[in-house]
Amino acid sequence: MGGDVLGRTLRLISFGESHGKVVGAVIEGVPAGLSLGEEDIQKILDLRRPGWSHLTTQRKESDRVEIISGIFRGRTTGAPITMIVRNEDVISSYYEEFIRKPRPGHADYVARVKYGGFS
């Protein structure tokens, strides 16, 4: 499976690229009946929101989470929880030069080696 997979009991699978349409995650192994909603996840995302500190990317993104599956009426269903965040401030042409020349200290080279190419 693409993306990064972490964990055994709870599994987190991430997907997407910073310059793609969305980034997202699937969390497997969450039991049914737990109280959890978009607002709970949004609070965490707001702590790392880009463009508001000189230490983060200066792209302006709202980082609004959308729950696609696994939560109904504020409770987990036991099904995998799938969530996405739509990228808004993306200029894909900016990344063209990195197709042939990976950025030092960035994941460009690692992604090229891991996935056998570069997109």
PDB file of N, CA and C in Angstrom:
ATOM      1  N   MET A   1       0.849  -1.178   0.000  1.00  0.00           N
ATOM      2  CA  MET A   1       0.000   0.000   0.000  1.00  0.00           C
ATOM      3  C   MET A   1       0.889   1.234   0.000  1.00  0.00           C
ATOM      4  N   GLY A   2       0.503   2.256  -0.726  1.00  0.00           N
ATOM      5  CA  GLY A   2       1.268   3.489  -0.771  1.00  0.00           C
ATOM      6  C   GLY A   2       1.172   4.270   0.520  1.00  0.00           C
ATOM      7  N   GLY A   3       1.913   5.329   0.615  1.00  0.00           N
ATOM      8  CA  GLY A   3       1.907   6.147   1.819  1.00  0.00           C
ATOM      9  C   GLY A   3       2.739   5.515   2.908  1.00  0.00           C
ATOM     10  N   ASP A   4       2.649   6.052   4.087  1.00  0.00           N
ATOM     11  CA  ASP A   4       3.372   5.527   5.238  1.00  0.00           C
ATOM     12  C   ASP A   4       2.405   4.761   6.118  1.00  0.00           C
ATOM     13  N   VAL A   5       2.847   3.630   6.639  1.00  0.00           N
ATOM     14  CA  VAL A   5       2.023   2.815   7.523  1.00  0.00           C
ATOM     15  C   VAL A   5       2.742   2.722   8.864  1.00  0.00           C
ATOM     16  N   LEU A   6       2.054   3.081   9.931  1.00  0.00           N
ATOM     17  CA  LEU A   6       2.613   3.026  11.273  1.00  0.00           C
ATOM     18  C   LEU A   6       1.689   2.230  12.177  1.00  0.00           C
ATOM     19  N   GLY A   7       2.259   1.418  13.079  1.00  0.00           N
ATOM     20  CA  GLY A   7       1.485   0.772  14.125  1.00  0.00           C
ATOM     21  C   GLY A   7       1.040  -0.639  13.818  1.00  0.00           C
ATOM     22  N   ARG A   8       0.612  -1.319  14.909  1.00  0.00           N
ATOM     23  CA  ARG A   8       0.109  -2.688  14.788  1.00  0.00           C
ATOM     24  C   ARG A   8      -1.331  -2.787  15.275  1.00  0.00           C
ATOM     25  N   THR A   9      -1.603  -2.326  16.506  1.00  0.00           N
ATOM     26  CA  THR A   9      -2.966  -2.379  17.023  1.00  0.00           C
ATOM     27  C   THR A   9      -3.805  -1.306  16.349  1.00  0.00           C
ATOM     28  N   LEU A  10      -3.312  -0.084  16.403  1.00  0.00           N
ATOM     29  CA  LEU A  10      -3.891   1.013  15.632  1.00  0.00           C
ATOM     30  C   LEU A  10      -2.948   1.261  14.474  1.00  0.00           C
ATOM     31  N   ARG A  11      -3.472   1.284  13.282  1.00  0.00           N
ATOM     32  CA  ARG A  11      -2.627   1.536  12.107  1.00  0.00           C
ATOM     33  C   ARG A  11      -2.991   2.871  11.503  1.00  0.00           C
ATOM     34  N   LEU A  12      -1.981   3.669  11.215  1.00  0.00           N
ATOM     35  CA  LEU A  12      -2.160   4.951  10.549  1.00  0.00           C
ATOM     36  C   LEU A  12      -1.534   4.848   9.174  1.00  0.00           C
ATOM     37  N   ILE A  13      -2.333   5.075   8.165  1.00  0.00           N
ATOM     38  CA  ILE A  13      -1.862   5.045   6.783  1.00  0.00           C
ATOM     39  C   ILE A  13      -2.063   6.456   6.225  1.00  0.00           C
ATOM     40  N   SER A  14      -0.976   7.096   5.832  1.00  0.00           N
ATOM     41  CA  SER A  14      -1.090   8.440   5.259  1.00  0.00           C
ATOM     42  C   SER A  14      -1.023   8.354   3.740  1.00  0.00           C
ATOM     43  N   PHE A  15      -1.607   9.343   3.075  1.00  0.00           N
ATOM     44  CA  PHE A  15      -1.571   9.376   1.618  1.00  0.00           C
ATOM     45  C   PHE A  15      -1.616  10.816   1.130  1.00  0.00           C
ATOM     46  N   GLY A  16      -1.222  10.991  -0.129  1.00  0.00           N
ATOM     47  CA  GLY A  16      -1.248  12.305  -0.745  1.00  0.00           C
ATOM     48  C   GLY A  16       0.103  12.989  -0.706  1.00  0.00           C
ATOM     49  N   GLU A  17       0.175  14.120  -1.391  1.00  0.00           N
ATOM     50  CA  GLU A  17       1.391  14.914  -1.449  1.00  0.00           C
ATOM     51  C   GLU A  17       1.059  16.367  -1.150  1.00  0.00           C
ATOM     52  N   SER A  18       2.051  17.090  -0.662  1.00  0.00           N
ATOM     53  CA  SER A  18       1.817  18.493  -0.320  1.00  0.00           C
ATOM     54  C   SER A  18       1.432  19.320  -1.546  1.00  0.00           C
ATOM     55  N   HIS A  19       1.806  18.858  -2.736  1.00  0.00           N
ATOM     56  CA  HIS A  19       1.467  19.593  -3.950  1.00  0.00           C
ATOM     57  C   HIS A  19       0.332  18.932  -4.733  1.00  0.00           C
ATOM     58  N   GLY A  20      -0.335  17.958  -4.120  1.00  0.00           N
ATOM     59  CA  GLY A  20      -1.467  17.298  -4.758  1.00  0.00           C
ATOM     60  C   GLY A  20      -2.783  17.932  -4.324  1.00  0.00           C
ATOM     61  N   LYS A  21      -3.889  17.338  -4.725  1.00  0.00           N
ATOM     62  CA  LYS A  21      -5.214  17.877  -4.392  1.00  0.00           C
ATOM     63  C   LYS A  21      -5.554  17.735  -2.913  1.00  0.00           C
ATOM     64  N   VAL A  22      -5.152  16.607  -2.307  1.00  0.00           N
ATOM     65  CA  VAL A  22      -5.450  16.370  -0.893  1.00  0.00           C
ATOM     66  C   VAL A  22      -4.299  15.610  -0.237  1.00  0.00           C
ATOM     67  N   VAL A  23      -4.255  15.702   1.087  1.00  0.00           N
ATOM     68  CA  VAL A  23      -3.475  14.782   1.913  1.00  0.00           C
ATOM     69  C   VAL A  23      -4.491  14.138   2.842  1.00  0.00           C
ATOM     70  N   GLY A  24      -4.186  12.944   3.288  1.00  0.00           N
ATOM     71  CA  GLY A  24      -5.159  12.292   4.140  1.00  0.00           C
ATOM     72  C   GLY A  24      -4.569  11.163   4.933  1.00  0.00           C
ATOM     73  N   ALA A  25      -5.428  10.552   5.709  1.00  0.00           N
ATOM     74  CA  ALA A  25      -5.020   9.429   6.552  1.00  0.00           C
ATOM     75  C   ALA A  25      -6.183   8.476   6.736  1.00  0.00           C
ATOM     76  N   VAL A  26      -5.822   7.222   6.941  1.00  0.00           N
ATOM     77  CA  VAL A  26      -6.770   6.180   7.317  1.00  0.00           C
ATOM     78  C   VAL A  26      -6.262   5.612   8.636  1.00  0.00           C
ATOM     79  N   ILE A  27      -7.136   5.551   9.623  1.00  0.00           N
ATOM     80  CA  ILE A  27      -6.784   4.960  10.907  1.00  0.00           C
ATOM     81  C   ILE A  27      -7.618   3.697  11.067  1.00  0.00           C
ATOM     82  N   GLU A  28      -6.929   2.569  11.183  1.00  0.00           N
ATOM     83  CA  GLU A  28      -7.592   1.272  11.347  1.00  0.00           C
ATOM     84  C   GLU A  28      -7.429   0.794  12.784  1.00  0.00           C
ATOM     85  N   GLY A  29      -8.396   0.050  13.272  1.00  0.00           N
ATOM     86  CA  GLY A  29      -8.300  -0.556  14.588  1.00  0.00           C
ATOM     87  C   GLY A  29      -8.942   0.243  15.707  1.00  0.00           C
ATOM     88  N   VAL A  30      -9.635   1.320  15.374  1.00  0.00           N
ATOM     89  CA  VAL A  30     -10.319   2.113  16.398  1.00  0.00           C
ATOM     90  C   VAL A  30     -11.634   1.413  16.745  1.00  0.00           C
ATOM     91  N   PRO A  31     -11.851   1.115  18.007  1.00  0.00           N
ATOM     92  CA  PRO A  31     -13.086   0.423  18.366  1.00  0.00           C
ATOM     93  C   PRO A  31     -14.329   1.291  18.169  1.00  0.00           C
ATOM     94  N   ALA A  32     -15.450   0.655  18.005  1.00  0.00           N
ATOM     95  CA  ALA A  32     -16.722   1.360  17.841  1.00  0.00           C
ATOM     96  C   ALA A  32     -17.151   2.013  19.149  1.00  0.00           C
ATOM     97  N   GLY A  33     -17.857   3.143  19.015  1.00  0.00           N
ATOM     98  CA  GLY A  33     -18.480   3.769  20.175  1.00  0.00           C
ATOM     99  C   GLY A  33     -17.700   4.877  20.852  1.00  0.00           C
ATOM    100  N   LEU A  34     -16.483   5.139  20.404  1.00  0.00           N
ATOM    101  CA  LEU A  34     -15.719   6.233  21.010  1.00  0.00           C
ATOM    102  C   LEU A  34     -16.245   7.577  20.534  1.00  0.00           C
ATOM    103  N   SER A  35     -16.277   8.549  21.409  1.00  0.00           N
ATOM    104  CA  SER A  35     -16.700   9.894  21.046  1.00  0.00           C
ATOM    105  C   SER A  35     -15.561  10.579  20.287  1.00  0.00           C
ATOM    106  N   LEU A  36     -15.801  10.934  19.034  1.00  0.00           N
ATOM    107  CA  LEU A  36     -14.783  11.571  18.199  1.00  0.00           C
ATOM    108  C   LEU A  36     -15.470  12.278  17.044  1.00  0.00           C
ATOM    109  N   GLY A  37     -15.090  13.503  16.813  1.00  0.00           N
ATOM    110  CA  GLY A  37     -15.676  14.253  15.713  1.00  0.00           C
ATOM    111  C   GLY A  37     -14.630  15.087  15.002  1.00  0.00           C
ATOM    112  N   GLU A  38     -15.037  15.709  13.907  1.00  0.00           N
ATOM    113  CA  GLU A  38     -14.124  16.557  13.152  1.00  0.00           C
ATOM    114  C   GLU A  38     -13.518  17.648  14.021  1.00  0.00           C
ATOM    115  N   GLU A  39     -14.308  18.190  14.949  1.00  0.00           N
ATOM    116  CA  GLU A  39     -13.811  19.278  15.792  1.00  0.00           C
ATOM    117  C   GLU A  39     -12.654  18.822  16.672  1.00  0.00           C
ATOM    118  N   ASP A  40     -12.648  17.559  17.097  1.00  0.00           N
ATOM    119  CA  ASP A  40     -11.552  17.029  17.909  1.00  0.00           C
ATOM    120  C   ASP A  40     -10.256  16.978  17.101  1.00  0.00           C
ATOM    121  N   ILE A  41     -10.362  16.518  15.883  1.00  0.00           N
ATOM    122  CA  ILE A  41      -9.192  16.429  15.011  1.00  0.00           C
ATOM    123  C   ILE A  41      -8.771  17.815  14.565  1.00  0.00           C
ATOM    124  N   GLN A  42      -9.734  18.692  14.312  1.00  0.00           N
ATOM    125  CA  GLN A  42      -9.420  20.051  13.872  1.00  0.00           C
ATOM    126  C   GLN A  42      -8.588  20.799  14.906  1.00  0.00           C
ATOM    127  N   LYS A  43      -8.871  20.599  16.188  1.00  0.00           N
ATOM    128  CA  LYS A  43      -8.094  21.255  17.255  1.00  0.00           C
ATOM    129  C   LYS A  43      -6.613  20.907  17.140  1.00  0.00           C
ATOM    130  N   ILE A  44      -6.341  19.655  16.829  1.00  0.00           N
ATOM    131  CA  ILE A  44      -4.948  19.207  16.692  1.00  0.00           C
ATOM    132  C   ILE A  44      -4.322  19.799  15.429  1.00  0.00           C
ATOM    133  N   LEU A  45      -5.070  19.782  14.332  1.00  0.00           N
ATOM    134  CA  LEU A  45      -4.546  20.359  13.092  1.00  0.00           C
ATOM    135  C   LEU A  45      -4.255  21.848  13.243  1.00  0.00           C
ATOM    136  N   ASP A  46      -5.080  22.549  13.973  1.00  0.00           N
ATOM    137  CA  ASP A  46      -4.878  23.983  14.153  1.00  0.00           C
ATOM    138  C   ASP A  46      -3.557  24.298  14.850  1.00  0.00           C
ATOM    139  N   LEU A  47      -3.056  23.372  15.654  1.00  0.00           N
ATOM    140  CA  LEU A  47      -1.787  23.585  16.352  1.00  0.00           C
ATOM    141  C   LEU A  47      -0.593  23.599  15.401  1.00  0.00           C
ATOM    142  N   ARG A  48      -0.722  22.950  14.247  1.00  0.00           N
ATOM    143  CA  ARG A  48       0.391  22.875  13.296  1.00  0.00           C
ATOM    144  C   ARG A  48       0.069  23.562  11.959  1.00  0.00           C
ATOM    145  N   ARG A  49      -0.913  24.396  11.974  1.00  0.00           N
ATOM    146  CA  ARG A  49      -1.376  25.069  10.757  1.00  0.00           C
ATOM    147  C   ARG A  49      -0.254  25.852  10.083  1.00  0.00           C
ATOM    148  N   PRO A  50      -0.066  25.677   8.776  1.00  0.00           N
ATOM    149  CA  PRO A  50       1.028  26.357   8.081  1.00  0.00           C
ATOM    150  C   PRO A  50       0.740  27.846   7.853  1.00  0.00           C
ATOM    151  N   GLY A  51       1.820  28.571   7.635  1.00  0.00           N
ATOM    152  CA  GLY A  51       1.711  29.973   7.236  1.00  0.00           C
ATOM    153  C   GLY A  51       1.542  30.957   8.369  1.00  0.00           C
ATOM    154  N   TRP A  52       1.605  30.497   9.613  1.00  0.00           N
ATOM    155  CA  TRP A  52       1.360  31.391  10.736  1.00  0.00           C
ATOM    156  C   TRP A  52       2.579  31.561  11.630  1.00  0.00           C
ATOM    157  N   SER A  53       3.679  30.942  11.240  1.00  0.00           N
ATOM    158  CA  SER A  53       4.925  31.045  12.000  1.00  0.00           C
ATOM    159  C   SER A  53       6.071  31.074  11.003  1.00  0.00           C
ATOM    160  N   HIS A  54       7.159  31.736  11.362  1.00  0.00           N
ATOM    161  CA  HIS A  54       8.317  31.754  10.472  1.00  0.00           C
ATOM    162  C   HIS A  54       8.980  30.373  10.394  1.00  0.00           C
ATOM    163  N   LEU A  55       8.587  29.452  11.252  1.00  0.00           N
ATOM    164  CA  LEU A  55       9.162  28.110  11.270  1.00  0.00           C
ATOM    165  C   LEU A  55       8.424  27.132  10.359  1.00  0.00           C
ATOM    166  N   THR A  56       7.267  27.514   9.853  1.00  0.00           N
ATOM    167  CA  THR A  56       6.483  26.624   8.999  1.00  0.00           C
ATOM    168  C   THR A  56       6.477  27.155   7.577  1.00  0.00           C
ATOM    169  N   THR A  57       5.927  26.361   6.666  1.00  0.00           N
ATOM    170  CA  THR A  57       5.775  26.815   5.286  1.00  0.00           C
ATOM    171  C   THR A  57       4.930  28.088   5.273  1.00  0.00           C
ATOM    172  N   GLN A  58       5.216  28.964   4.360  1.00  0.00           N
ATOM    173  CA  GLN A  58       4.475  30.212   4.283  1.00  0.00           C
ATOM    174  C   GLN A  58       3.226  30.108   3.410  1.00  0.00           C
ATOM    175  N   ARG A  59       2.960  28.908   2.894  1.00  0.00           N
ATOM    176  CA  ARG A  59       1.712  28.707   2.159  1.00  0.00           C
ATOM    177  C   ARG A  59       0.542  28.930   3.096  1.00  0.00           C
ATOM    178  N   LYS A  60      -0.491  29.541   2.594  1.00  0.00           N
ATOM    179  CA  LYS A  60      -1.694  29.788   3.395  1.00  0.00           C
ATOM    180  C   LYS A  60      -2.708  28.687   3.118  1.00  0.00           C
ATOM    181  N   GLU A  61      -2.929  27.865   4.105  1.00  0.00           N
ATOM    182  CA  GLU A  61      -3.869  26.752   3.999  1.00  0.00           C
ATOM    183  C   GLU A  61      -4.821  26.804   5.183  1.00  0.00           C
ATOM    184  N   SER A  62      -6.084  26.511   4.953  1.00  0.00           N
ATOM    185  CA  SER A  62      -7.039  26.492   6.059  1.00  0.00           C
ATOM    186  C   SER A  62      -6.942  25.195   6.862  1.00  0.00           C
ATOM    187  N   ASP A  63      -6.422  24.132   6.230  1.00  0.00           N
ATOM    188  CA  ASP A  63      -6.266  22.835   6.903  1.00  0.00           C
ATOM    189  C   ASP A  63      -7.561  22.371   7.566  1.00  0.00           C
ATOM    190  N   ARG A  64      -8.661  22.378   6.832  1.00  0.00           N
ATOM    191  CA  ARG A  64      -9.955  21.914   7.362  1.00  0.00           C
ATOM    192  C   ARG A  64     -10.092  20.418   7.104  1.00  0.00           C
ATOM    193  N   VAL A  65     -10.220  19.663   8.169  1.00  0.00           N
ATOM    194  CA  VAL A  65     -10.346  18.217   8.043  1.00  0.00           C
ATOM    195  C   VAL A  65     -11.762  17.845   7.605  1.00  0.00           C
ATOM    196  N   GLU A  66     -11.839  16.825   6.764  1.00  0.00           N
ATOM    197  CA  GLU A  66     -13.125  16.252   6.361  1.00  0.00           C
ATOM    198  C   GLU A  66     -13.078  14.761   6.679  1.00  0.00           C
ATOM    199  N   ILE A  67     -14.011  14.296   7.493  1.00  0.00           N
ATOM    200  CA  ILE A  67     -14.111  12.865   7.800  1.00  0.00           C
ATOM    201  C   ILE A  67     -14.932  12.214   6.696  1.00  0.00           C
ATOM    202  N   ILE A  68     -14.364  11.215   6.055  1.00  0.00           N
ATOM    203  CA  ILE A  68     -15.021  10.532   4.941  1.00  0.00           C
ATOM    204  C   ILE A  68     -15.750   9.276   5.416  1.00  0.00           C
ATOM    205  N   SER A  69     -15.150   8.567   6.380  1.00  0.00           N
ATOM    206  CA  SER A  69     -15.770   7.330   6.859  1.00  0.00           C
ATOM    207  C   SER A  69     -15.277   7.007   8.267  1.00  0.00           C
ATOM    208  N   GLY A  70     -16.018   6.136   8.945  1.00  0.00           N
ATOM    209  CA  GLY A  70     -15.604   5.619  10.237  1.00  0.00           C
ATOM    210  C   GLY A  70     -16.163   6.356  11.443  1.00  0.00           C
ATOM    211  N   ILE A  71     -16.867   7.456  11.206  1.00  0.00           N
ATOM    212  CA  ILE A  71     -17.496   8.204  12.300  1.00  0.00           C
ATOM    213  C   ILE A  71     -18.921   8.548  11.880  1.00  0.00           C
ATOM    214  N   PHE A  72     -19.862   8.283  12.780  1.00  0.00           N
ATOM    215  CA  PHE A  72     -21.265   8.595  12.522  1.00  0.00           C
ATOM    216  C   PHE A  72     -21.862   9.198  13.781  1.00  0.00           C
ATOM    217  N   ARG A  73     -22.441  10.380  13.624  1.00  0.00           N
ATOM    218  CA  ARG A  73     -23.056  11.100  14.745  1.00  0.00           C
ATOM    219  C   ARG A  73     -22.108  11.247  15.947  1.00  0.00           C
ATOM    220  N   GLY A  74     -20.841  11.566  15.640  1.00  0.00           N
ATOM    221  CA  GLY A  74     -19.871  11.838  16.691  1.00  0.00           C
ATOM    222  C   GLY A  74     -19.312  10.628  17.399  1.00  0.00           C
ATOM    223  N   ARG A  75     -19.553   9.433  16.842  1.00  0.00           N
ATOM    224  CA  ARG A  75     -19.043   8.198  17.444  1.00  0.00           C
ATOM    225  C   ARG A  75     -18.334   7.360  16.380  1.00  0.00           C
ATOM    226  N   THR A  76     -17.264   6.709  16.793  1.00  0.00           N
ATOM    227  CA  THR A  76     -16.582   5.811  15.868  1.00  0.00           C
ATOM    228  C   THR A  76     -17.470   4.602  15.595  1.00  0.00           C
ATOM    229  N   THR A  77     -17.381   4.088  14.368  1.00  0.00           N
ATOM    230  CA  THR A  77     -18.225   2.962  13.965  1.00  0.00           C
ATOM    231  C   THR A  77     -17.508   1.621  14.031  1.00  0.00           C
ATOM    232  N   GLY A  78     -16.193   1.647  14.188  1.00  0.00           N
ATOM    233  CA  GLY A  78     -15.400   0.420  14.128  1.00  0.00           C
ATOM    234  C   GLY A  78     -14.787   0.211  12.758  1.00  0.00           C
ATOM    235  N   ALA A  79     -15.314   0.904  11.752  1.00  0.00           N
ATOM    236  CA  ALA A  79     -14.741   0.858  10.407  1.00  0.00           C
ATOM    237  C   ALA A  79     -13.514   1.780  10.376  1.00  0.00           C
ATOM    238  N   PRO A  80     -12.629   1.595   9.406  1.00  0.00           N
ATOM    239  CA  PRO A  80     -11.489   2.495   9.294  1.00  0.00           C
ATOM    240  C   PRO A  80     -11.953   3.958   9.188  1.00  0.00           C
ATOM    241  N   ILE A  81     -11.252   4.825   9.891  1.00  0.00           N
ATOM    242  CA  ILE A  81     -11.553   6.259   9.843  1.00  0.00           C
ATOM    243  C   ILE A  81     -10.711   6.855   8.727  1.00  0.00           C
ATOM    244  N   THR A  82     -11.379   7.414   7.737  1.00  0.00           N
ATOM    245  CA  THR A  82     -10.681   8.048   6.623  1.00  0.00           C
ATOM    246  C   THR A  82     -10.948   9.539   6.689  1.00  0.00           C
ATOM    247  N   MET A  83      -9.874  10.325   6.601  1.00  0.00           N
ATOM    248  CA  MET A  83     -10.016  11.781   6.636  1.00  0.00           C
ATOM    249  C   MET A  83      -9.093  12.410   5.604  1.00  0.00           C
ATOM    250  N   ILE A  84      -9.530  13.552   5.093  1.00  0.00           N
ATOM    251  CA  ILE A  84      -8.721  14.284   4.124  1.00  0.00           C
ATOM    252  C   ILE A  84      -8.640  15.754   4.518  1.00  0.00           C
ATOM    253  N   VAL A  85      -7.609  16.399   4.007  1.00  0.00           N
ATOM    254  CA  VAL A  85      -7.452  17.847   4.079  1.00  0.00           C
ATOM    255  C   VAL A  85      -7.127  18.286   2.658  1.00  0.00           C
ATOM    256  N   ARG A  86      -7.938  19.177   2.118  1.00  0.00           N
ATOM    257  CA  ARG A  86      -7.723  19.655   0.755  1.00  0.00           C
ATOM    258  C   ARG A  86      -6.609  20.707   0.735  1.00  0.00           C
ATOM    259  N   ASN A  87      -5.687  20.557  -0.218  1.00  0.00           N
ATOM    260  CA  ASN A  87      -4.650  21.564  -0.410  1.00  0.00           C
ATOM    261  C   ASN A  87      -5.231  22.716  -1.223  1.00  0.00           C
ATOM    262  N   GLU A  88      -4.997  23.929  -0.786  1.00  0.00           N
ATOM    263  CA  GLU A  88      -5.576  25.098  -1.443  1.00  0.00           C
ATOM    264  C   GLU A  88      -4.527  25.975  -2.118  1.00  0.00           C
ATOM    265  N   ASP A  89      -3.380  26.150  -1.481  1.00  0.00           N
ATOM    266  CA  ASP A  89      -2.348  27.068  -1.967  1.00  0.00           C
ATOM    267  C   ASP A  89      -1.237  26.264  -2.637  1.00  0.00           C
ATOM    268  N   VAL A  90      -1.570  25.681  -3.798  1.00  0.00           N
ATOM    269  CA  VAL A  90      -0.638  24.809  -4.489  1.00  0.00           C
ATOM    270  C   VAL A  90      -0.305  25.382  -5.852  1.00  0.00           C
ATOM    271  N   ILE A  91       0.976  25.498  -6.123  1.00  0.00           N
ATOM    272  CA  ILE A  91       1.451  25.905  -7.444  1.00  0.00           C
ATOM    273  C   ILE A  91       2.329  24.757  -7.930  1.00  0.00           C
ATOM    274  N   SER A  92       1.744  23.824  -8.656  1.00  0.00           N
ATOM    275  CA  SER A  92       2.450  22.609  -9.059  1.00  0.00           C
ATOM    276  C   SER A  92       3.701  22.900  -9.866  1.00  0.00           C
ATOM    277  N   SER A  93       3.710  23.971 -10.641  1.00  0.00           N
ATOM    278  CA  SER A  93       4.885  24.284 -11.462  1.00  0.00           C
ATOM    279  C   SER A  93       6.118  24.545 -10.608  1.00  0.00           C
ATOM    280  N   TYR A  94       5.931  24.952  -9.366  1.00  0.00           N
ATOM    281  CA  TYR A  94       7.057  25.173  -8.454  1.00  0.00           C
ATOM    282  C   TYR A  94       7.879  23.908  -8.277  1.00  0.00           C
ATOM    283  N   TYR A  95       7.247  22.747  -8.358  1.00  0.00           N
ATOM    284  CA  TYR A  95       7.911  21.478  -8.093  1.00  0.00           C
ATOM    285  C   TYR A  95       8.577  20.872  -9.327  1.00  0.00           C
ATOM    286  N   GLU A  96       8.389  21.456 -10.485  1.00  0.00           N
ATOM    287  CA  GLU A  96       8.944  20.902 -11.723  1.00  0.00           C
ATOM    288  C   GLU A  96      10.457  20.713 -11.660  1.00  0.00           C
ATOM    289  N   GLU A  97      11.182  21.681 -11.120  1.00  0.00           N
ATOM    290  CA  GLU A  97      12.640  21.580 -11.093  1.00  0.00           C
ATOM    291  C   GLU A  97      13.125  20.440 -10.203  1.00  0.00           C
ATOM    292  N   PHE A  98      12.312  20.003  -9.260  1.00  0.00           N
ATOM    293  CA  PHE A  98      12.730  18.959  -8.339  1.00  0.00           C
ATOM    294  C   PHE A  98      12.537  17.555  -8.907  1.00  0.00           C
ATOM    295  N   ILE A  99      11.931  17.456 -10.079  1.00  0.00           N
ATOM    296  CA  ILE A  99      11.782  16.153 -10.718  1.00  0.00           C
ATOM    297  C   ILE A  99      13.158  15.605 -11.065  1.00  0.00           C
ATOM    298  N   ARG A 100      14.036  16.467 -11.573  1.00  0.00           N
ATOM    299  CA  ARG A 100      15.374  16.046 -11.958  1.00  0.00           C
ATOM    300  C   ARG A 100      16.424  16.303 -10.878  1.00  0.00           C
ATOM    301  N   LYS A 101      16.136  17.212  -9.967  1.00  0.00           N
ATOM    302  CA  LYS A 101      17.138  17.617  -8.977  1.00  0.00           C
ATOM    303  C   LYS A 101      16.488  17.670  -7.589  1.00  0.00           C
ATOM    304  N   PRO A 102      16.590  16.571  -6.826  1.00  0.00           N
ATOM    305  CA  PRO A 102      15.979  16.554  -5.487  1.00  0.00           C
ATOM    306  C   PRO A 102      16.565  17.633  -4.579  1.00  0.00           C
ATOM    307  N   ARG A 103      15.737  18.153  -3.694  1.00  0.00           N
ATOM    308  CA  ARG A 103      16.185  19.175  -2.742  1.00  0.00           C
ATOM    309  C   ARG A 103      17.005  18.532  -1.626  1.00  0.00           C
ATOM    310  N   PRO A 104      18.125  19.153  -1.258  1.00  0.00           N
ATOM    311  CA  PRO A 104      18.927  18.623  -0.137  1.00  0.00           C
ATOM    312  C   PRO A 104      18.118  18.664   1.162  1.00  0.00           C
ATOM    313  N   GLY A 105      18.211  17.603   1.956  1.00  0.00           N
ATOM    314  CA  GLY A 105      17.553  17.574   3.247  1.00  0.00           C
ATOM    315  C   GLY A 105      16.044  17.407   3.174  1.00  0.00           C
ATOM    316  N   HIS A 106      15.516  17.122   2.002  1.00  0.00           N
ATOM    317  CA  HIS A 106      14.074  16.966   1.828  1.00  0.00           C
ATOM    318  C   HIS A 106      13.788  15.514   1.466  1.00  0.00           C
ATOM    319  N   ALA A 107      12.530  15.141   1.449  1.00  0.00           N
ATOM    320  CA  ALA A 107      12.141  13.754   1.156  1.00  0.00           C
ATOM    321  C   ALA A 107      12.145  13.436  -0.332  1.00  0.00           C
ATOM    322  N   ASP A 108      12.510  14.389  -1.190  1.00  0.00           N
ATOM    323  CA  ASP A 108      12.476  14.153  -2.634  1.00  0.00           C
ATOM    324  C   ASP A 108      13.278  12.918  -3.042  1.00  0.00           C
ATOM    325  N   TYR A 109      14.530  12.843  -2.592  1.00  0.00           N
ATOM    326  CA  TYR A 109      15.381  11.718  -2.969  1.00  0.00           C
ATOM    327  C   TYR A 109      14.853  10.410  -2.382  1.00  0.00           C
ATOM    328  N   VAL A 110      14.470  10.434  -1.113  1.00  0.00           N
ATOM    329  CA  VAL A 110      13.957   9.236  -0.446  1.00  0.00           C
ATOM    330  C   VAL A 110      12.719   8.717  -1.176  1.00  0.00           C
ATOM    331  N   ALA A 111      11.821   9.613  -1.544  1.00  0.00           N
ATOM    332  CA  ALA A 111      10.608   9.207  -2.263  1.00  0.00           C
ATOM    333  C   ALA A 111      10.962   8.600  -3.618  1.00  0.00           C
ATOM    334  N   ARG A 112      11.947   9.172  -4.290  1.00  0.00           N
ATOM    335  CA  ARG A 112      12.359   8.643  -5.592  1.00  0.00           C
ATOM    336  C   ARG A 112      12.854   7.210  -5.445  1.00  0.00           C
ATOM    337  N   VAL A 113      13.692   6.966  -4.446  1.00  0.00           N
ATOM    338  CA  VAL A 113      14.240   5.634  -4.226  1.00  0.00           C
ATOM    339  C   VAL A 113      13.149   4.668  -3.751  1.00  0.00           C
ATOM    340  N   LYS A 114      12.335   5.102  -2.771  1.00  0.00           N
ATOM    341  CA  LYS A 114      11.316   4.227  -2.190  1.00  0.00           C
ATOM    342  C   LYS A 114      10.259   3.804  -3.204  1.00  0.00           C
ATOM    343  N   TYR A 115       9.806   4.747  -4.039  1.00  0.00           N
ATOM    344  CA  TYR A 115       8.698   4.459  -4.947  1.00  0.00           C
ATOM    345  C   TYR A 115       9.143   4.206  -6.384  1.00  0.00           C
ATOM    346  N   GLY A 116      10.460   4.217  -6.629  1.00  0.00           N
ATOM    347  CA  GLY A 116      10.971   3.866  -7.949  1.00  0.00           C
ATOM    348  C   GLY A 116      10.695   4.885  -9.024  1.00  0.00           C
ATOM    349  N   GLY A 117      10.525   6.103  -8.672  1.00  0.00           N
ATOM    350  CA  GLY A 117      10.269   7.147  -9.650  1.00  0.00           C
ATOM    351  C   GLY A 117       9.988   8.447  -8.950  1.00  0.00           C
ATOM    352  N   PHE A 118       9.479   9.366  -9.675  1.00  0.00           N
ATOM    353  CA  PHE A 118       9.182  10.679  -9.108  1.00  0.00           C
ATOM    354  C   PHE A 118       8.032  11.262  -9.881  1.00  0.00           C
ATOM    355  N   SER A 119       7.014  11.741  -9.173  1.00  0.00           N
ATOM    356  CA  SER A 119       5.854  12.307  -9.862  1.00  0.00           C
ATOM    357  C   SER A 119       5.644  13.735  -9.452  1.00  0.00           C
TER     358      SER A 119
END
